C-alpha cells in the first residue's frame, strides 16, 4: 500500500477542511477563506470559499480537490454546478467547498452570510504551501 493513501480517510472535519484550503492555495485560487460554523449551522461544520481566475480554473480547482482527497482516502464527494463552472459546490458532508468565478462570488456574497467570528486564520496553511513550493523563501547573506 502506498504511504500516501488513506492519510485523510479518518480525518477530522477540520483536517479535511484544512487539506481543501491547502489544495486551493497550491493551485492559485484567489481569496480562499475557511469558516468553522458547526456551532451555528446544522448543515455542516466547515465552509471553504474560494475564487477561480476563470471558468476553466473554477472547474479545475473542483476537480483537483476531488482528485487529491480521493488519493488520500476521502471518496464521498458530491459535486454540484459542473455544467457552468461559475459556482461549483463540493460537498463532503461536514465540509462544504464553494468555488466561484469572480462575478458569482461577488453576486452571491456567501462570505457575508457566515456567522461573525467563524472565519479561521489560514496564514499557517499559506506559509506551509509557500514553503512546499519554495515561494517567498530567501536566504540571508
N, C-alpha and C. Protein backbone atom coordinates (compact mmCIF):
# COMPACT_ATOMS: atom_id res chain seq x y z
N UNK A 1 0.84 -1.18 0.00
CA UNK A 1 0.00 0.00 0.00
C UNK A 1 0.88 1.24 0.00
N UNK A 2 0.52 2.22 -0.81
CA UNK A 2 1.25 3.48 -0.89
C UNK A 2 1.11 4.22 0.44
N UNK A 3 2.20 4.79 0.91
CA UNK A 3 2.21 5.51 2.18
C UNK A 3 1.22 6.66 2.17
N UNK A 4 1.00 7.30 1.02
CA UNK A 4 0.15 8.48 0.94
C UNK A 4 -1.34 8.14 0.96
N UNK A 5 -1.70 6.91 0.65
CA UNK A 5 -3.12 6.57 0.64
C UNK A 5 -3.67 6.51 2.05
N UNK A 6 -4.94 6.80 2.16
CA UNK A 6 -5.67 6.75 3.42
C UNK A 6 -5.19 7.76 4.47
N UNK A 7 -4.44 8.76 4.07
CA UNK A 7 -3.95 9.77 5.02
C UNK A 7 -5.12 10.50 5.67
N UNK A 8 -6.14 10.83 4.91
CA UNK A 8 -7.27 11.60 5.43
C UNK A 8 -8.53 10.78 5.62
N UNK A 9 -8.45 9.48 5.41
CA UNK A 9 -9.64 8.63 5.48
C UNK A 9 -10.39 8.79 6.80
N UNK A 10 -9.68 8.87 7.89
CA UNK A 10 -10.29 9.02 9.21
C UNK A 10 -10.03 10.40 9.81
N UNK A 11 -9.82 11.37 8.93
CA UNK A 11 -9.50 12.73 9.37
C UNK A 11 -10.71 13.40 10.02
N UNK A 12 -10.42 14.35 10.88
CA UNK A 12 -11.49 15.18 11.44
C UNK A 12 -11.99 16.13 10.36
N UNK A 13 -13.13 16.73 10.59
CA UNK A 13 -13.67 17.71 9.66
C UNK A 13 -12.69 18.86 9.46
N UNK A 14 -12.05 19.29 10.54
CA UNK A 14 -11.11 20.40 10.46
C UNK A 14 -9.90 20.03 9.61
N UNK A 15 -9.38 18.82 9.77
CA UNK A 15 -8.24 18.38 8.96
C UNK A 15 -8.62 18.31 7.48
N UNK A 16 -9.82 17.85 7.20
CA UNK A 16 -10.30 17.78 5.82
C UNK A 16 -10.45 19.18 5.24
N UNK A 17 -11.02 20.10 6.00
CA UNK A 17 -11.19 21.48 5.54
C UNK A 17 -9.83 22.13 5.28
N UNK A 18 -8.88 21.92 6.19
CA UNK A 18 -7.54 22.50 6.01
C UNK A 18 -6.84 21.90 4.78
N UNK A 19 -7.06 20.61 4.51
CA UNK A 19 -6.49 19.99 3.32
C UNK A 19 -7.07 20.62 2.06
N UNK A 20 -8.37 20.88 2.05
CA UNK A 20 -9.01 21.53 0.90
C UNK A 20 -8.45 22.93 0.69
N UNK A 21 -8.26 23.66 1.78
CA UNK A 21 -7.68 25.00 1.69
C UNK A 21 -6.28 24.94 1.09
N UNK A 22 -5.47 24.00 1.55
CA UNK A 22 -4.10 23.87 1.04
C UNK A 22 -4.09 23.56 -0.45
N UNK A 23 -4.99 22.69 -0.89
CA UNK A 23 -5.08 22.36 -2.32
C UNK A 23 -5.43 23.60 -3.12
N UNK A 24 -6.41 24.35 -2.66
CA UNK A 24 -6.83 25.57 -3.37
C UNK A 24 -5.70 26.59 -3.45
N UNK A 25 -4.99 26.79 -2.35
CA UNK A 25 -3.89 27.75 -2.35
C UNK A 25 -2.77 27.29 -3.28
N UNK A 26 -2.47 26.00 -3.22
CA UNK A 26 -1.41 25.45 -4.07
C UNK A 26 -1.74 25.64 -5.55
N UNK A 27 -3.02 25.57 -5.89
CA UNK A 27 -3.45 25.70 -7.29
C UNK A 27 -3.83 27.13 -7.65
N UNK A 28 -3.42 28.09 -6.83
CA UNK A 28 -3.54 29.52 -7.11
C UNK A 28 -4.96 30.07 -7.10
N UNK A 29 -5.84 29.48 -6.29
CA UNK A 29 -7.17 30.07 -6.12
C UNK A 29 -7.00 31.42 -5.42
N UNK A 30 -7.95 32.29 -5.63
CA UNK A 30 -7.93 33.62 -5.03
C UNK A 30 -8.86 33.68 -3.82
N UNK A 31 -8.56 34.55 -2.88
CA UNK A 31 -9.42 34.87 -1.75
C UNK A 31 -10.00 33.62 -1.07
N UNK A 32 -9.12 32.70 -0.70
CA UNK A 32 -9.54 31.47 -0.02
C UNK A 32 -9.85 31.80 1.43
N UNK A 33 -11.03 31.35 1.88
CA UNK A 33 -11.45 31.60 3.26
C UNK A 33 -12.01 30.33 3.86
N UNK A 34 -11.76 30.15 5.15
CA UNK A 34 -12.22 28.98 5.88
C UNK A 34 -13.08 29.44 7.06
N UNK A 35 -14.25 28.84 7.19
CA UNK A 35 -15.18 29.18 8.27
C UNK A 35 -15.55 27.93 9.06
N UNK A 36 -15.49 28.03 10.37
CA UNK A 36 -15.95 26.94 11.24
C UNK A 36 -17.33 27.35 11.76
N UNK A 37 -18.37 26.68 11.24
CA UNK A 37 -19.75 27.09 11.52
C UNK A 37 -20.56 26.03 12.25
N UNK A 38 -19.93 24.97 12.71
CA UNK A 38 -20.64 23.85 13.32
C UNK A 38 -21.57 24.23 14.45
N UNK A 39 -21.16 25.19 15.26
CA UNK A 39 -21.99 25.63 16.38
C UNK A 39 -23.23 26.39 15.89
N UNK A 40 -23.08 27.07 14.76
CA UNK A 40 -24.13 27.95 14.26
C UNK A 40 -24.97 27.34 13.14
N UNK A 41 -24.53 26.21 12.57
CA UNK A 41 -25.12 25.71 11.35
C UNK A 41 -25.38 24.20 11.45
N UNK A 42 -26.62 23.78 11.28
CA UNK A 42 -26.93 22.35 11.37
C UNK A 42 -26.54 21.55 10.12
N UNK A 43 -26.14 22.24 9.06
CA UNK A 43 -25.85 21.58 7.78
C UNK A 43 -24.43 21.03 7.72
N UNK A 44 -23.47 21.80 8.20
CA UNK A 44 -22.06 21.43 8.04
C UNK A 44 -21.23 22.02 9.18
N UNK A 45 -20.00 21.55 9.30
CA UNK A 45 -19.09 22.09 10.30
C UNK A 45 -18.20 23.20 9.74
N UNK A 46 -17.80 23.05 8.45
CA UNK A 46 -16.86 23.99 7.84
C UNK A 46 -17.31 24.37 6.44
N UNK A 47 -17.12 25.64 6.10
CA UNK A 47 -17.24 26.12 4.73
C UNK A 47 -15.87 26.60 4.28
N UNK A 48 -15.53 26.27 3.04
CA UNK A 48 -14.35 26.82 2.40
C UNK A 48 -14.86 27.55 1.17
N UNK A 49 -14.53 28.83 1.05
CA UNK A 49 -14.92 29.62 -0.11
C UNK A 49 -13.67 30.09 -0.84
N UNK A 50 -13.71 30.01 -2.17
CA UNK A 50 -12.56 30.43 -2.97
C UNK A 50 -13.03 30.94 -4.32
N UNK A 51 -12.16 31.68 -4.99
CA UNK A 51 -12.46 32.23 -6.30
C UNK A 51 -11.43 31.73 -7.30
N UNK A 52 -11.92 31.31 -8.47
CA UNK A 52 -11.05 30.95 -9.58
C UNK A 52 -10.85 32.13 -10.50
N UNK A 53 -9.76 32.14 -11.22
CA UNK A 53 -9.43 33.24 -12.12
C UNK A 53 -10.23 33.21 -13.42
N UNK A 54 -10.81 32.04 -13.72
CA UNK A 54 -11.61 31.87 -14.94
C UNK A 54 -12.57 30.71 -14.72
N UNK A 55 -13.53 30.55 -15.62
CA UNK A 55 -14.46 29.42 -15.53
C UNK A 55 -13.69 28.11 -15.62
N UNK A 56 -12.68 28.07 -16.45
CA UNK A 56 -11.87 26.87 -16.59
C UNK A 56 -11.16 26.54 -15.28
N UNK A 57 -10.60 27.55 -14.63
CA UNK A 57 -9.91 27.30 -13.37
C UNK A 57 -10.89 26.87 -12.28
N UNK A 58 -12.09 27.43 -12.27
CA UNK A 58 -13.09 27.03 -11.28
C UNK A 58 -13.31 25.51 -11.38
N UNK A 59 -13.52 25.01 -12.60
CA UNK A 59 -13.70 23.58 -12.81
C UNK A 59 -12.48 22.78 -12.43
N UNK A 60 -11.31 23.28 -12.77
CA UNK A 60 -10.06 22.59 -12.45
C UNK A 60 -9.81 22.53 -10.95
N UNK A 61 -10.14 23.60 -10.24
CA UNK A 61 -9.96 23.60 -8.79
C UNK A 61 -10.85 22.55 -8.13
N UNK A 62 -12.10 22.47 -8.58
CA UNK A 62 -13.02 21.46 -8.03
C UNK A 62 -12.50 20.05 -8.33
N UNK A 63 -12.08 19.83 -9.57
CA UNK A 63 -11.55 18.53 -9.95
C UNK A 63 -10.33 18.15 -9.11
N UNK A 64 -9.46 19.13 -8.86
CA UNK A 64 -8.23 18.87 -8.10
C UNK A 64 -8.54 18.50 -6.65
N UNK A 65 -9.52 19.18 -6.05
CA UNK A 65 -9.90 18.84 -4.68
C UNK A 65 -10.41 17.40 -4.62
N UNK A 66 -11.33 17.06 -5.50
CA UNK A 66 -11.88 15.71 -5.51
C UNK A 66 -10.77 14.69 -5.74
N UNK A 67 -9.90 14.94 -6.71
CA UNK A 67 -8.82 14.01 -7.05
C UNK A 67 -7.84 13.83 -5.88
N UNK A 68 -7.34 14.93 -5.34
CA UNK A 68 -6.33 14.85 -4.28
C UNK A 68 -6.91 14.22 -3.01
N UNK A 69 -8.16 14.56 -2.68
CA UNK A 69 -8.74 13.98 -1.47
C UNK A 69 -9.07 12.51 -1.67
N UNK A 70 -9.44 12.11 -2.90
CA UNK A 70 -9.63 10.68 -3.18
C UNK A 70 -8.33 9.93 -3.01
N UNK A 71 -7.21 10.52 -3.46
CA UNK A 71 -5.90 9.88 -3.28
C UNK A 71 -5.58 9.69 -1.80
N UNK A 72 -6.14 10.57 -0.97
CA UNK A 72 -5.90 10.50 0.48
C UNK A 72 -6.96 9.69 1.21
N UNK A 73 -7.85 9.03 0.46
CA UNK A 73 -8.81 8.14 1.08
C UNK A 73 -10.19 8.72 1.31
N UNK A 74 -10.45 9.95 0.88
CA UNK A 74 -11.76 10.59 1.07
C UNK A 74 -12.50 10.53 -0.26
N UNK A 75 -13.48 9.65 -0.33
CA UNK A 75 -14.12 9.36 -1.61
C UNK A 75 -15.61 9.67 -1.65
N UNK A 76 -16.11 10.46 -0.74
CA UNK A 76 -17.55 10.67 -0.67
C UNK A 76 -18.01 12.05 -1.12
N UNK A 77 -17.33 12.66 -2.08
CA UNK A 77 -17.70 14.00 -2.55
C UNK A 77 -18.95 13.97 -3.41
N UNK A 78 -19.80 14.95 -3.17
CA UNK A 78 -20.94 15.21 -4.04
C UNK A 78 -20.66 16.56 -4.69
N UNK A 79 -20.66 16.60 -6.02
CA UNK A 79 -20.28 17.82 -6.73
C UNK A 79 -21.49 18.37 -7.47
N UNK A 80 -21.75 19.66 -7.30
CA UNK A 80 -22.84 20.36 -7.97
C UNK A 80 -22.30 21.55 -8.73
N UNK A 81 -22.89 21.84 -9.90
CA UNK A 81 -22.56 23.06 -10.64
C UNK A 81 -21.51 22.91 -11.72
N UNK A 82 -21.15 21.68 -12.08
CA UNK A 82 -20.08 21.46 -13.07
C UNK A 82 -20.44 21.97 -14.46
N UNK A 83 -21.71 22.08 -14.78
CA UNK A 83 -22.09 22.50 -16.14
C UNK A 83 -21.60 23.89 -16.49
N UNK A 84 -21.83 24.84 -15.62
CA UNK A 84 -21.47 26.21 -15.96
C UNK A 84 -20.14 26.68 -15.42
N UNK A 85 -19.66 26.03 -14.39
CA UNK A 85 -18.39 26.36 -13.74
C UNK A 85 -18.35 27.75 -13.12
N UNK A 86 -19.49 28.44 -13.00
CA UNK A 86 -19.49 29.75 -12.35
C UNK A 86 -19.47 29.59 -10.83
N UNK A 87 -20.09 28.51 -10.34
CA UNK A 87 -20.08 28.20 -8.91
C UNK A 87 -20.18 26.69 -8.79
N UNK A 88 -19.14 26.09 -8.27
CA UNK A 88 -19.14 24.64 -8.06
C UNK A 88 -19.07 24.39 -6.55
N UNK A 89 -19.95 23.52 -6.10
CA UNK A 89 -20.00 23.15 -4.69
C UNK A 89 -19.51 21.71 -4.57
N UNK A 90 -18.52 21.49 -3.74
CA UNK A 90 -18.01 20.16 -3.46
C UNK A 90 -18.38 19.86 -2.00
N UNK A 91 -19.27 18.88 -1.82
CA UNK A 91 -19.85 18.61 -0.51
C UNK A 91 -19.31 17.30 0.05
N UNK A 92 -18.64 17.42 1.20
CA UNK A 92 -18.15 16.25 1.93
C UNK A 92 -18.95 16.03 3.21
N UNK A 93 -20.14 16.62 3.29
CA UNK A 93 -20.96 16.49 4.48
C UNK A 93 -20.56 17.50 5.53
N UNK A 94 -19.53 17.20 6.30
CA UNK A 94 -19.09 18.12 7.35
C UNK A 94 -18.21 19.25 6.84
N UNK A 95 -17.84 19.18 5.55
CA UNK A 95 -17.05 20.23 4.91
C UNK A 95 -17.67 20.51 3.55
N UNK A 96 -17.99 21.78 3.31
CA UNK A 96 -18.53 22.19 2.01
C UNK A 96 -17.57 23.20 1.41
N UNK A 97 -17.13 22.92 0.18
CA UNK A 97 -16.21 23.80 -0.54
C UNK A 97 -16.98 24.48 -1.66
N UNK A 98 -17.00 25.81 -1.65
CA UNK A 98 -17.62 26.61 -2.70
C UNK A 98 -16.52 27.26 -3.52
N UNK A 99 -16.53 27.02 -4.83
CA UNK A 99 -15.55 27.63 -5.71
C UNK A 99 -16.32 28.44 -6.75
N UNK A 100 -16.02 29.72 -6.82
CA UNK A 100 -16.75 30.65 -7.67
C UNK A 100 -15.84 31.27 -8.72
N UNK A 101 -16.46 31.78 -9.80
CA UNK A 101 -15.76 32.77 -10.61
C UNK A 101 -15.98 34.10 -9.89
N UNK A 102 -15.26 35.14 -10.27
CA UNK A 102 -15.32 36.41 -9.54
C UNK A 102 -16.72 37.00 -9.53
N UNK A 103 -17.41 36.98 -10.66
CA UNK A 103 -18.73 37.59 -10.74
C UNK A 103 -19.73 36.87 -9.82
N UNK A 104 -19.68 35.55 -9.80
CA UNK A 104 -20.60 34.78 -8.94
C UNK A 104 -20.26 34.99 -7.47
N UNK A 105 -18.98 35.06 -7.14
CA UNK A 105 -18.59 35.29 -5.74
C UNK A 105 -19.12 36.64 -5.28
N UNK A 106 -18.97 37.65 -6.13
CA UNK A 106 -19.46 38.98 -5.78
C UNK A 106 -20.98 39.00 -5.68
N UNK A 107 -21.66 38.33 -6.61
CA UNK A 107 -23.12 38.35 -6.65
C UNK A 107 -23.73 37.64 -5.45
N UNK A 108 -23.30 36.41 -5.18
CA UNK A 108 -23.89 35.63 -4.09
C UNK A 108 -23.36 36.05 -2.71
N UNK A 109 -22.12 36.51 -2.67
CA UNK A 109 -21.51 37.05 -1.46
C UNK A 109 -21.78 36.18 -0.22
N UNK A 110 -21.52 34.88 -0.35
CA UNK A 110 -21.76 33.96 0.76
C UNK A 110 -20.93 34.30 2.00
N UNK A 111 -19.79 34.95 1.79
CA UNK A 111 -18.95 35.28 2.94
C UNK A 111 -19.69 36.16 3.94
N UNK A 112 -20.54 37.03 3.47
CA UNK A 112 -21.29 37.92 4.38
C UNK A 112 -22.33 37.15 5.19
N UNK A 113 -22.71 35.96 4.71
CA UNK A 113 -23.70 35.15 5.42
C UNK A 113 -23.09 34.28 6.52
N UNK A 114 -21.78 34.22 6.55
CA UNK A 114 -21.11 33.41 7.57
C UNK A 114 -21.25 34.11 8.93
N UNK A 115 -21.57 33.35 9.96
CA UNK A 115 -21.71 33.96 11.29
C UNK A 115 -20.43 34.68 11.71
N UNK A 116 -20.62 35.80 12.37
CA UNK A 116 -19.49 36.60 12.82
C UNK A 116 -18.59 35.78 13.75
N UNK A 117 -17.29 35.94 13.56
CA UNK A 117 -16.32 35.26 14.41
C UNK A 117 -16.03 33.82 14.03
N UNK A 118 -16.53 33.37 12.86
CA UNK A 118 -16.31 31.97 12.47
C UNK A 118 -15.17 31.79 11.47
N UNK A 119 -14.64 32.90 10.93
CA UNK A 119 -13.54 32.75 9.97
C UNK A 119 -12.27 32.33 10.71
N UNK A 120 -11.59 31.34 10.14
CA UNK A 120 -10.35 30.81 10.71
C UNK A 120 -9.17 31.40 9.95
N UNK A 121 -8.18 31.86 10.68
CA UNK A 121 -6.96 32.38 10.06
C UNK A 121 -6.22 31.23 9.39
N UNK A 122 -5.94 31.37 8.10
CA UNK A 122 -5.27 30.31 7.34
C UNK A 122 -3.83 30.66 6.97
N UNK A 123 -3.27 31.67 7.63
CA UNK A 123 -1.91 32.10 7.27
C UNK A 123 -0.89 30.97 7.45
N UNK A 124 -1.12 30.09 8.42
CA UNK A 124 -0.19 28.97 8.61
C UNK A 124 -0.24 28.02 7.41
N UNK A 125 -1.42 27.84 6.83
CA UNK A 125 -1.54 26.97 5.65
C UNK A 125 -0.85 27.63 4.46
N UNK A 126 -1.04 28.94 4.32
CA UNK A 126 -0.38 29.68 3.23
C UNK A 126 1.13 29.53 3.35
N UNK A 127 1.66 29.66 4.56
CA UNK A 127 3.11 29.52 4.78
C UNK A 127 3.59 28.11 4.46
N UNK A 128 2.81 27.10 4.83
CA UNK A 128 3.19 25.72 4.52
C UNK A 128 3.25 25.49 3.02
N UNK A 129 2.25 26.00 2.30
CA UNK A 129 2.22 25.84 0.85
C UNK A 129 3.38 26.61 0.22
N UNK A 130 3.60 27.85 0.68
CA UNK A 130 4.72 28.64 0.16
C UNK A 130 6.04 27.90 0.36
N UNK A 131 6.22 27.34 1.55
CA UNK A 131 7.46 26.60 1.83
C UNK A 131 7.57 25.38 0.92
N UNK A 132 6.46 24.68 0.76
CA UNK A 132 6.45 23.49 -0.10
C UNK A 132 6.82 23.85 -1.53
N UNK A 133 6.31 24.98 -1.99
CA UNK A 133 6.58 25.40 -3.36
C UNK A 133 7.80 26.31 -3.47
N UNK A 134 8.46 26.55 -2.33
CA UNK A 134 9.63 27.41 -2.24
C UNK A 134 9.35 28.81 -2.76
N UNK A 135 8.23 29.35 -2.32
CA UNK A 135 7.85 30.71 -2.69
C UNK A 135 8.20 31.61 -1.52
N UNK A 136 8.69 32.79 -1.83
CA UNK A 136 9.00 33.78 -0.81
C UNK A 136 10.01 33.29 0.21
N UNK A 137 10.88 32.39 -0.16
CA UNK A 137 11.91 31.96 0.77
C UNK A 137 13.25 32.43 0.25
N UNK A 138 13.82 33.41 0.94
CA UNK A 138 15.11 33.92 0.55
C UNK A 138 16.07 33.70 1.72
N UNK A 139 17.27 33.38 1.38
CA UNK A 139 18.29 33.18 2.41
C UNK A 139 19.03 34.48 2.63
N UNK A 140 19.26 34.78 3.87
CA UNK A 140 20.03 35.97 4.21
C UNK A 140 21.50 35.70 3.96
N UNK A 141 22.16 36.68 3.42
CA UNK A 141 23.59 36.50 3.15
C UNK A 141 24.44 37.09 4.22
